[in-house]
Amino acid sequence: MTQLQRRSLLAAGLAGGAAALLTPLKALADLPARNLAVLNLHTGERLQAVYWESGVYVADALSAFDKVLRDHRTGEVHAIAPGLLDLAVALSDRLGLRETVQIISGYRSPQTNSMLHAASSGVATRSLHMEGRALDIRMQGVDLARLRDTAWSLQQGGVGFYPGSDFVHIDVGRVRRWNG
């Protein structure tokens, strides 16, 4: 094989490899944008934003969610796991709704979590709220048991049922469920 033939073969291989890499990226870009509306019940803040489009998360929108889902007791802002937002959207989609997700609790600082744990055995000492990986939610007009069952059907993380406090806990940790 001549030098020219080897170069042509190498160039063809690289072009084919590049095309193979670009095909999944093109497919991601063609997927619909992900939009989420939330209401923080403690602060009254609302946010509706497209946080994922053309195959990538939108940094400004993620920052806006971080702020709205902050620890309302301390004001501390922490990154919210994008997969948690994806879970909330998947839950809304599975319910066939586009309701605003009402947030009882998003991020919790270690200080807040410790205080809540001291007051209630229903608060984990190493809560995923402290990592920005959990939300306590409800949706107007959606029966709490239906919300719990739908979240569980997704098998994308933990689901806690707190009917006495009128919320469902969802997280992007290991798949498990409990009643609070």
C-alpha atoms as a PDB file:
ATOM      1  CA  MET A   1       0.000   0.000   0.000  1.00  0.00           C
ATOM      2  CA  THR A   2       1.402   3.378  -0.957  1.00  0.00           C
ATOM      3  CA  GLN A   3       1.702   6.383   1.325  1.00  0.00           C
ATOM      4  CA  LEU A   4      -1.113   8.108  -0.618  1.00  0.00           C
ATOM      5  CA  GLN A   5      -3.442   5.118  -0.248  1.00  0.00           C
ATOM      6  CA  ARG A   6      -2.778   4.970   3.514  1.00  0.00           C
ATOM      7  CA  ARG A   7      -3.527   8.688   3.869  1.00  0.00           C
ATOM      8  CA  SER A   8      -6.743   8.331   1.879  1.00  0.00           C
ATOM      9  CA  LEU A   9      -7.787   5.360   3.992  1.00  0.00           C
ATOM     10  CA  LEU A  10      -6.972   7.242   7.206  1.00  0.00           C
ATOM     11  CA  ALA A  11      -8.876  10.346   6.049  1.00  0.00           C
ATOM     12  CA  ALA A  12     -11.902   8.239   5.098  1.00  0.00           C
ATOM     13  CA  GLY A  13     -11.805   6.555   8.501  1.00  0.00           C
ATOM     14  CA  LEU A  14     -11.614   9.870  10.334  1.00  0.00           C
ATOM     15  CA  ALA A  15     -14.469  11.305   8.289  1.00  0.00           C
ATOM     16  CA  GLY A  16     -16.585   8.241   9.007  1.00  0.00           C
ATOM     17  CA  GLY A  17     -15.769   8.461  12.707  1.00  0.00           C
ATOM     18  CA  ALA A  18     -16.669  12.145  12.805  1.00  0.00           C
ATOM     19  CA  ALA A  19     -19.974  11.437  11.065  1.00  0.00           C
ATOM     20  CA  ALA A  20     -20.717   8.675  13.597  1.00  0.00           C
ATOM     21  CA  LEU A  21     -20.059  11.099  16.459  1.00  0.00           C
ATOM     22  CA  LEU A  22     -22.148  13.878  14.943  1.00  0.00           C
ATOM     23  CA  THR A  23     -25.188  11.689  14.265  1.00  0.00           C
ATOM     24  CA  PRO A  24     -26.087  11.287  17.982  1.00  0.00           C
ATOM     25  CA  LEU A  25     -25.466  15.016  18.541  1.00  0.00           C
ATOM     26  CA  LYS A  26     -27.830  15.851  15.688  1.00  0.00           C
ATOM     27  CA  ALA A  27     -30.425  13.504  17.189  1.00  0.00           C
ATOM     28  CA  LEU A  28     -30.080  15.251  20.573  1.00  0.00           C
ATOM     29  CA  ALA A  29     -30.462  18.657  18.937  1.00  0.00           C
ATOM     30  CA  ASP A  30     -33.729  17.491  17.370  1.00  0.00           C
ATOM     31  CA  LEU A  31     -35.259  16.497  20.714  1.00  0.00           C
ATOM     32  CA  PRO A  32     -37.845  18.884  22.164  1.00  0.00           C
ATOM     33  CA  ALA A  33     -36.701  21.468  24.672  1.00  0.00           C
ATOM     34  CA  ARG A  34     -37.338  20.760  28.351  1.00  0.00           C
ATOM     35  CA  ASN A  35     -39.396  23.387  30.102  1.00  0.00           C
ATOM     36  CA  LEU A  36     -40.325  23.446  33.783  1.00  0.00           C
ATOM     37  CA  ALA A  37     -42.527  25.750  35.845  1.00  0.00           C
ATOM     38  CA  VAL A  38     -42.068  25.885  39.624  1.00  0.00           C
ATOM     39  CA  LEU A  39     -43.528  27.860  42.510  1.00  0.00           C
ATOM     40  CA  ASN A  40     -41.579  28.065  45.762  1.00  0.00           C
ATOM     41  CA  LEU A  41     -44.371  28.026  48.343  1.00  0.00           C
ATOM     42  CA  HIS A  42     -42.178  29.602  51.038  1.00  0.00           C
ATOM     43  CA  THR A  43     -40.922  32.596  49.044  1.00  0.00           C
ATOM     44  CA  GLY A  44     -43.732  32.965  46.506  1.00  0.00           C
ATOM     45  CA  GLU A  45     -41.157  32.999  43.699  1.00  0.00           C
ATOM     46  CA  ARG A  46     -42.177  31.522  40.362  1.00  0.00           C
ATOM     47  CA  LEU A  47     -39.984  30.414  37.526  1.00  0.00           C
ATOM     48  CA  GLN A  48     -40.831  28.973  34.166  1.00  0.00           C
ATOM     49  CA  ALA A  49     -37.821  28.318  31.989  1.00  0.00           C
ATOM     50  CA  VAL A  50     -36.423  26.160  29.227  1.00  0.00           C
ATOM     51  CA  TYR A  51     -33.450  24.575  30.960  1.00  0.00           C
ATOM     52  CA  TRP A  52     -32.410  22.108  28.230  1.00  0.00           C
ATOM     53  CA  GLU A  53     -32.438  22.586  24.477  1.00  0.00           C
ATOM     54  CA  SER A  54     -30.511  21.487  21.418  1.00  0.00           C
ATOM     55  CA  GLY A  55     -28.926  18.688  23.420  1.00  0.00           C
ATOM     56  CA  VAL A  56     -27.459  20.805  26.223  1.00  0.00           C
ATOM     57  CA  TYR A  57     -28.474  22.252  29.567  1.00  0.00           C
ATOM     58  CA  VAL A  58     -28.950  26.023  29.558  1.00  0.00           C
ATOM     59  CA  ALA A  59     -26.573  27.460  32.171  1.00  0.00           C
ATOM     60  CA  ASP A  60     -28.557  30.646  32.867  1.00  0.00           C
ATOM     61  CA  ALA A  61     -31.765  28.676  33.393  1.00  0.00           C
ATOM     62  CA  LEU A  62     -30.034  26.202  35.721  1.00  0.00           C
ATOM     63  CA  SER A  63     -28.717  29.139  37.773  1.00  0.00           C
ATOM     64  CA  ALA A  64     -32.220  30.583  37.959  1.00  0.00           C
ATOM     65  CA  PHE A  65     -33.567  27.253  39.266  1.00  0.00           C
ATOM     66  CA  ASP A  66     -30.719  27.120  41.808  1.00  0.00           C
ATOM     67  CA  LYS A  67     -31.847  30.503  43.142  1.00  0.00           C
ATOM     68  CA  VAL A  68     -35.578  29.735  43.312  1.00  0.00           C
ATOM     69  CA  LEU A  69     -34.953  26.328  44.908  1.00  0.00           C
ATOM     70  CA  ARG A  70     -32.494  27.713  47.497  1.00  0.00           C
ATOM     71  CA  ASP A  71     -32.745  27.149  51.240  1.00  0.00           C
ATOM     72  CA  HIS A  72     -35.465  29.670  52.126  1.00  0.00           C
ATOM     73  CA  ARG A  73     -34.393  29.706  55.781  1.00  0.00           C
ATOM     74  CA  THR A  74     -30.756  30.711  55.224  1.00  0.00           C
ATOM     75  CA  GLY A  75     -30.872  32.102  51.684  1.00  0.00           C
ATOM     76  CA  GLU A  76     -28.030  29.751  50.726  1.00  0.00           C
ATOM     77  CA  VAL A  77     -28.000  28.857  47.019  1.00  0.00           C
ATOM     78  CA  HIS A  78     -26.664  25.497  45.861  1.00  0.00           C
ATOM     79  CA  ALA A  79     -26.544  23.780  42.472  1.00  0.00           C
ATOM     80  CA  ILE A  80     -29.620  21.674  41.791  1.00  0.00           C
ATOM     81  CA  ALA A  81     -28.899  18.445  39.926  1.00  0.00           C
ATOM     82  CA  PRO A  82     -30.153  18.848  36.337  1.00  0.00           C
ATOM     83  CA  GLY A  83     -31.392  15.253  36.498  1.00  0.00           C
ATOM     84  CA  LEU A  84     -33.774  16.327  39.272  1.00  0.00           C
ATOM     85  CA  LEU A  85     -35.329  18.873  36.927  1.00  0.00           C
ATOM     86  CA  ASP A  86     -35.535  16.122  34.283  1.00  0.00           C
ATOM     87  CA  LEU A  87     -37.331  13.938  36.835  1.00  0.00           C
ATOM     88  CA  ALA A  88     -39.885  16.678  37.563  1.00  0.00           C
ATOM     89  CA  VAL A  89     -40.535  17.073  33.821  1.00  0.00           C
ATOM     90  CA  ALA A  90     -40.818  13.299  33.334  1.00  0.00           C
ATOM     91  CA  LEU A  91     -43.303  13.187  36.210  1.00  0.00           C
ATOM     92  CA  SER A  92     -45.409  15.954  34.677  1.00  0.00           C
ATOM     93  CA  ASP A  93     -45.270  14.230  31.296  1.00  0.00           C
ATOM     94  CA  ARG A  94     -46.304  10.873  32.759  1.00  0.00           C
ATOM     95  CA  LEU A  95     -49.230  12.570  34.510  1.00  0.00           C
ATOM     96  CA  GLY A  96     -50.181  14.166  31.186  1.00  0.00           C
ATOM     97  CA  LEU A  97     -50.070  17.604  32.800  1.00  0.00           C
ATOM     98  CA  ARG A  98     -48.147  20.820  32.470  1.00  0.00           C
ATOM     99  CA  GLU A  99     -48.988  22.065  35.938  1.00  0.00           C
ATOM    100  CA  THR A 100     -46.654  24.215  37.968  1.00  0.00           C
ATOM    101  CA  VAL A 101     -44.678  22.081  40.384  1.00  0.00           C
ATOM    102  CA  GLN A 102     -45.213  23.456  43.872  1.00  0.00           C
ATOM    103  CA  ILE A 103     -41.995  23.292  45.882  1.00  0.00           C
ATOM    104  CA  ILE A 104     -42.142  22.734  49.604  1.00  0.00           C
ATOM    105  CA  SER A 105     -38.417  22.083  49.891  1.00  0.00           C
ATOM    106  CA  GLY A 106     -35.538  22.143  47.431  1.00  0.00           C
ATOM    107  CA  TYR A 107     -31.967  22.642  48.573  1.00  0.00           C
ATOM    108  CA  ARG A 108     -31.388  22.538  52.332  1.00  0.00           C
ATOM    109  CA  SER A 109     -28.211  23.737  53.976  1.00  0.00           C
ATOM    110  CA  PRO A 110     -26.636  21.374  56.515  1.00  0.00           C
ATOM    111  CA  GLN A 111     -27.676  23.862  59.233  1.00  0.00           C
ATOM    112  CA  THR A 112     -31.333  23.775  58.156  1.00  0.00           C
ATOM    113  CA  ASN A 113     -31.334  20.016  57.699  1.00  0.00           C
ATOM    114  CA  SER A 114     -29.868  19.519  61.183  1.00  0.00           C
ATOM    115  CA  MET A 115     -32.534  21.769  62.713  1.00  0.00           C
ATOM    116  CA  LEU A 116     -35.333  19.927  60.856  1.00  0.00           C
ATOM    117  CA  HIS A 117     -33.884  16.531  61.788  1.00  0.00           C
ATOM    118  CA  ALA A 118     -33.844  17.503  65.466  1.00  0.00           C
ATOM    119  CA  ALA A 119     -37.537  18.402  65.218  1.00  0.00           C
ATOM    120  CA  SER A 120     -38.691  15.387  63.190  1.00  0.00           C
ATOM    121  CA  SER A 121     -37.627  11.781  62.741  1.00  0.00           C
ATOM    122  CA  GLY A 122     -38.877  12.061  59.138  1.00  0.00           C
ATOM    123  CA  VAL A 123     -35.837  14.136  58.109  1.00  0.00           C
ATOM    124  CA  ALA A 124     -32.733  12.137  57.173  1.00  0.00           C
ATOM    125  CA  THR A 125     -29.411  13.173  58.699  1.00  0.00           C
ATOM    126  CA  ARG A 126     -27.715  12.882  55.300  1.00  0.00           C
ATOM    127  CA  SER A 127     -30.614  14.108  53.191  1.00  0.00           C
ATOM    128  CA  LEU A 128     -30.178  14.414  49.438  1.00  0.00           C
ATOM    129  CA  HIS A 129     -31.717  17.885  49.821  1.00  0.00           C
ATOM    130  CA  MET A 130     -28.262  18.953  51.095  1.00  0.00           C
ATOM    131  CA  GLU A 131     -26.765  17.902  47.750  1.00  0.00           C
ATOM    132  CA  GLY A 132     -29.410  19.576  45.577  1.00  0.00           C
ATOM    133  CA  ARG A 133     -30.686  16.134  44.566  1.00  0.00           C
ATOM    134  CA  ALA A 134     -34.169  16.128  46.187  1.00  0.00           C
ATOM    135  CA  LEU A 135     -37.438  18.040  46.076  1.00  0.00           C
ATOM    136  CA  ASP A 136     -40.559  17.910  48.223  1.00  0.00           C
ATOM    137  CA  ILE A 137     -43.441  18.707  45.881  1.00  0.00           C
ATOM    138  CA  ARG A 138     -47.122  18.713  45.112  1.00  0.00           C
ATOM    139  CA  MET A 139     -49.180  19.721  42.088  1.00  0.00           C
ATOM    140  CA  GLN A 140     -52.473  21.559  42.244  1.00  0.00           C
ATOM    141  CA  GLY A 141     -55.348  19.277  41.308  1.00  0.00           C
ATOM    142  CA  VAL A 142     -53.246  16.100  41.440  1.00  0.00           C
ATOM    143  CA  ASP A 143     -54.141  13.596  44.148  1.00  0.00           C
ATOM    144  CA  LEU A 144     -51.100  13.032  46.356  1.00  0.00           C
ATOM    145  CA  ALA A 145     -51.327   9.221  46.089  1.00  0.00           C
ATOM    146  CA  ARG A 146     -51.452   9.512  42.293  1.00  0.00           C
ATOM    147  CA  LEU A 147     -48.402  11.784  42.353  1.00  0.00           C
ATOM    148  CA  ARG A 148     -46.546   9.257  44.549  1.00  0.00           C
ATOM    149  CA  ASP A 149     -47.540   6.271  42.389  1.00  0.00           C
ATOM    150  CA  THR A 150     -46.567   8.055  39.195  1.00  0.00           C
ATOM    151  CA  ALA A 151     -43.204   9.083  40.623  1.00  0.00           C
ATOM    152  CA  TRP A 152     -42.598   5.481  41.717  1.00  0.00           C
ATOM    153  CA  SER A 153     -43.507   4.162  38.258  1.00  0.00           C
ATOM    154  CA  LEU A 154     -40.616   6.165  36.785  1.00  0.00           C
ATOM    155  CA  GLN A 155     -38.050   4.222  38.880  1.00  0.00           C
ATOM    156  CA  GLN A 156     -35.612   7.153  38.702  1.00  0.00           C
ATOM    157  CA  GLY A 157     -34.846   7.645  42.381  1.00  0.00           C
ATOM    158  CA  GLY A 158     -36.373   7.799  45.821  1.00  0.00           C
ATOM    159  CA  VAL A 159     -40.046   8.512  46.475  1.00  0.00           C
ATOM    160  CA  GLY A 160     -41.320   9.432  49.923  1.00  0.00           C
ATOM    161  CA  PHE A 161     -45.020   9.834  50.718  1.00  0.00           C
ATOM    162  CA  TYR A 162     -46.002  12.414  53.353  1.00  0.00           C
ATOM    163  CA  PRO A 163     -49.808  12.737  53.242  1.00  0.00           C
ATOM    164  CA  GLY A 164     -49.926  14.367  56.693  1.00  0.00           C
ATOM    165  CA  SER A 165     -47.705  17.169  55.425  1.00  0.00           C
ATOM    166  CA  ASP A 166     -49.284  17.171  51.932  1.00  0.00           C
ATOM    167  CA  PHE A 167     -46.225  16.466  49.788  1.00  0.00           C
ATOM    168  CA  VAL A 168     -44.292  13.815  47.916  1.00  0.00           C
ATOM    169  CA  HIS A 169     -40.507  13.654  48.141  1.00  0.00           C
ATOM    170  CA  ILE A 170     -38.645  12.858  44.904  1.00  0.00           C
ATOM    171  CA  ASP A 171     -34.912  12.495  44.489  1.00  0.00           C
ATOM    172  CA  VAL A 172     -32.290  11.267  42.071  1.00  0.00           C
ATOM    173  CA  GLY A 173     -30.616   8.919  44.516  1.00  0.00           C
ATOM    174  CA  ARG A 174     -31.014   5.174  44.531  1.00  0.00           C
ATOM    175  CA  VAL A 175     -34.461   3.750  43.739  1.00  0.00           C
ATOM    176  CA  ARG A 176     -36.386   3.248  46.994  1.00  0.00           C
ATOM    177  CA  ARG A 177     -39.659   4.297  48.615  1.00  0.00           C
ATOM    178  CA  TRP A 178     -41.066   4.997  52.040  1.00  0.00           C
ATOM    179  CA  ASN A 179     -43.968   6.552  53.917  1.00  0.00           C
ATOM    180  CA  GLY A 180     -43.314   9.508  56.193  1.00  0.00           C
END
